[in-house]
Amino acid sequence: MKQHDTERHPGPWRVMKVDSEFAGLLLAGAFLVMGAVGLDIGKFFVLGALGLGVGVAVLLRIIHRNG
């Protein structure tokens, strides 16, 4: 029997060249979609968290411009 070394498959991580910021945003978006679709109360939680996040971001932007 011949012994030959077959090349291993590189796997998905050698093909996918993304930075951590994009991967994190993609993962966060996936969790938001799962939360919005999965549970009835999850919709209100996701919408509330999104509204609170936008509110804090706007507040920080205003403080940063005035300060």
Protein backbone atom coordinates (compact mmCIF):
# COMPACT_ATOMS: atom_id res chain seq x y z
CA MET A 1 0.00 0.00 0.00
CA LYS A 2 1.31 3.43 -0.91
CA GLN A 3 1.79 5.94 1.83
CA HIS A 4 1.09 9.44 0.65
CA ASP A 5 0.46 12.53 2.64
CA THR A 6 -2.83 14.10 1.68
CA GLU A 7 -3.23 17.81 2.22
CA ARG A 8 -5.67 18.70 4.92
CA HIS A 9 -8.66 20.81 4.10
CA PRO A 10 -7.97 24.41 5.18
CA GLY A 11 -11.37 24.73 6.83
CA PRO A 12 -13.64 27.75 6.82
CA TRP A 13 -11.43 30.01 8.95
CA ARG A 14 -8.62 30.19 6.41
CA VAL A 15 -11.06 31.20 3.70
CA MET A 16 -13.08 33.74 5.69
CA LYS A 17 -10.92 36.81 6.11
CA VAL A 18 -12.99 39.19 8.26
CA ASP A 19 -12.01 41.47 11.08
CA SER A 20 -13.36 41.01 14.58
CA GLU A 21 -15.54 44.11 14.41
CA PHE A 22 -17.55 42.80 11.47
CA ALA A 23 -17.85 39.34 13.00
CA GLY A 24 -19.04 40.84 16.29
CA LEU A 25 -21.64 43.00 14.57
CA LEU A 26 -22.84 40.01 12.58
CA LEU A 27 -23.15 37.93 15.73
CA ALA A 28 -24.96 40.72 17.59
CA GLY A 29 -27.38 41.12 14.68
CA ALA A 30 -28.04 37.38 14.65
CA PHE A 31 -28.83 37.44 18.37
CA LEU A 32 -31.20 40.37 17.86
CA VAL A 33 -33.05 38.53 15.12
CA MET A 34 -33.28 35.37 17.23
CA GLY A 35 -34.59 37.39 20.17
CA ALA A 36 -37.15 39.21 18.03
CA VAL A 37 -38.43 36.03 16.44
CA GLY A 38 -38.09 33.55 19.28
CA LEU A 39 -40.24 34.88 22.10
CA ASP A 40 -43.17 37.24 22.35
CA ILE A 41 -41.67 39.06 25.32
CA GLY A 42 -38.32 38.97 23.54
CA LYS A 43 -39.64 41.44 20.98
CA PHE A 44 -40.29 44.02 23.67
CA PHE A 45 -36.95 43.32 25.35
CA VAL A 46 -35.04 43.71 22.07
CA LEU A 47 -36.91 46.87 21.13
CA GLY A 48 -36.37 48.31 24.61
CA ALA A 49 -32.67 47.47 24.58
CA LEU A 50 -32.31 48.95 21.11
CA GLY A 51 -34.12 52.13 22.16
CA LEU A 52 -32.04 52.42 25.32
CA GLY A 53 -28.84 51.90 23.35
CA VAL A 54 -29.76 54.56 20.80
CA GLY A 55 -30.71 56.93 23.61
CA VAL A 56 -27.39 56.45 25.39
CA ALA A 57 -25.49 56.85 22.11
CA VAL A 58 -27.28 60.14 21.35
CA LEU A 59 -26.69 61.38 24.91
CA LEU A 60 -22.99 60.56 24.70
CA ARG A 61 -22.75 62.28 21.31
CA ILE A 62 -24.36 65.45 22.70
CA ILE A 63 -22.11 65.44 25.79
CA HIS A 64 -19.02 64.92 23.62
CA ARG A 65 -19.88 67.82 21.29
CA ASN A 66 -20.64 70.26 24.12
CA GLY A 67 -17.70 69.23 26.29
